């Protein structure tokens, strides 16, 4: 019996339309940012350690908040397209 295939991630534009997401919005939670950026939460945590901008750090009483515009600018500087 073959292994079940993993679900493919949705296209980012579909995610934006589905959730009414605008690139200028704040993103709450590492999991939400990971979904929008199409990466894992582990990758988001590594990027935070590497200096990705965070608007508010999360703890037991506060959520993580990211400014998507700043995150995109940081990502383009750190990972320029070849």
Protein backbone atom coordinates (compact mmCIF):
# COMPACT_ATOMS: atom_id res chain seq x y z
CA UNK A 1 0.00 0.00 0.00
CA UNK A 2 1.57 3.36 -0.99
CA UNK A 3 2.13 6.09 1.57
CA UNK A 4 -0.57 8.76 1.65
CA UNK A 5 0.48 11.91 -0.16
CA UNK A 6 0.92 15.08 1.82
CA UNK A 7 -1.51 17.86 1.10
CA UNK A 8 0.01 20.56 -1.06
CA UNK A 9 0.12 23.98 0.47
CA UNK A 10 -2.38 26.44 -0.90
CA UNK A 11 -1.20 29.08 -3.29
CA UNK A 12 -0.37 32.28 -1.39
CA UNK A 13 -2.87 34.31 -3.40
CA UNK A 14 -5.57 31.80 -2.42
CA UNK A 15 -4.59 32.22 1.23
CA UNK A 16 -4.73 36.00 0.90
CA UNK A 17 -8.19 35.84 -0.67
CA UNK A 18 -9.49 33.20 1.72
CA UNK A 19 -8.54 35.09 4.87
CA UNK A 20 -8.91 38.62 3.51
CA UNK A 21 -5.20 39.14 4.11
CA UNK A 22 -3.54 42.31 2.90
CA UNK A 23 0.27 42.57 2.66
CA UNK A 24 0.11 45.67 4.89
CA UNK A 25 -1.59 43.81 7.72
CA UNK A 26 -0.10 42.67 10.97
CA UNK A 27 0.21 38.93 11.31
CA UNK A 28 -0.51 37.39 14.69
CA UNK A 29 1.28 34.15 15.52
CA UNK A 30 4.27 32.29 14.18
CA UNK A 31 1.99 29.66 12.69
CA UNK A 32 0.09 32.26 10.65
CA UNK A 33 3.32 33.82 9.38
CA UNK A 34 4.66 30.37 8.51
CA UNK A 35 1.50 29.65 6.52
CA UNK A 36 1.68 32.92 4.59
CA UNK A 37 5.41 32.55 3.89
CA UNK A 38 4.95 28.85 3.00
CA UNK A 39 7.59 27.66 5.47
CA UNK A 40 7.60 25.77 8.76
CA UNK A 41 7.35 27.27 12.24
CA UNK A 42 10.92 26.05 12.82
CA UNK A 43 12.04 28.23 9.90
CA UNK A 44 10.20 31.23 11.37
CA UNK A 45 11.95 30.66 14.72
CA UNK A 46 15.34 30.45 12.97
CA UNK A 47 14.62 33.68 11.07
CA UNK A 48 13.72 35.40 14.37
CA UNK A 49 17.09 34.34 15.80
CA UNK A 50 18.73 35.61 12.59
CA UNK A 51 17.22 39.07 13.02
CA UNK A 52 13.82 39.04 11.31
CA UNK A 53 11.79 42.04 12.55
CA UNK A 54 9.20 41.30 15.22
CA UNK A 55 6.67 43.90 16.27
CA UNK A 56 5.80 42.14 19.54
CA UNK A 57 7.47 39.10 21.05
CA UNK A 58 5.13 36.48 22.38
CA UNK A 59 5.04 34.97 25.84
CA UNK A 60 2.44 33.26 28.01
CA UNK A 61 0.10 36.26 27.94
CA UNK A 62 0.91 37.92 24.59
CA UNK A 63 0.84 36.71 21.00
CA UNK A 64 3.67 37.14 18.52
CA UNK A 65 2.92 40.00 16.12
CA UNK A 66 4.73 40.59 12.83
CA UNK A 67 4.48 43.49 10.37
CA UNK A 68 4.34 41.68 7.05
CA UNK A 69 5.83 44.61 5.10
CA UNK A 70 8.92 44.65 7.34
CA UNK A 71 9.21 40.86 7.22
CA UNK A 72 9.08 40.89 3.39
CA UNK A 73 11.74 43.63 3.20
CA UNK A 74 14.00 41.73 5.61
CA UNK A 75 13.48 38.49 3.68
CA UNK A 76 14.36 40.15 0.35
CA UNK A 77 17.58 41.59 1.85
CA UNK A 78 18.67 38.33 3.46
CA UNK A 79 17.53 36.04 0.65
CA UNK A 80 17.87 38.04 -2.59
CA UNK A 81 16.54 36.38 -5.71
CA UNK A 82 19.30 35.23 -7.99
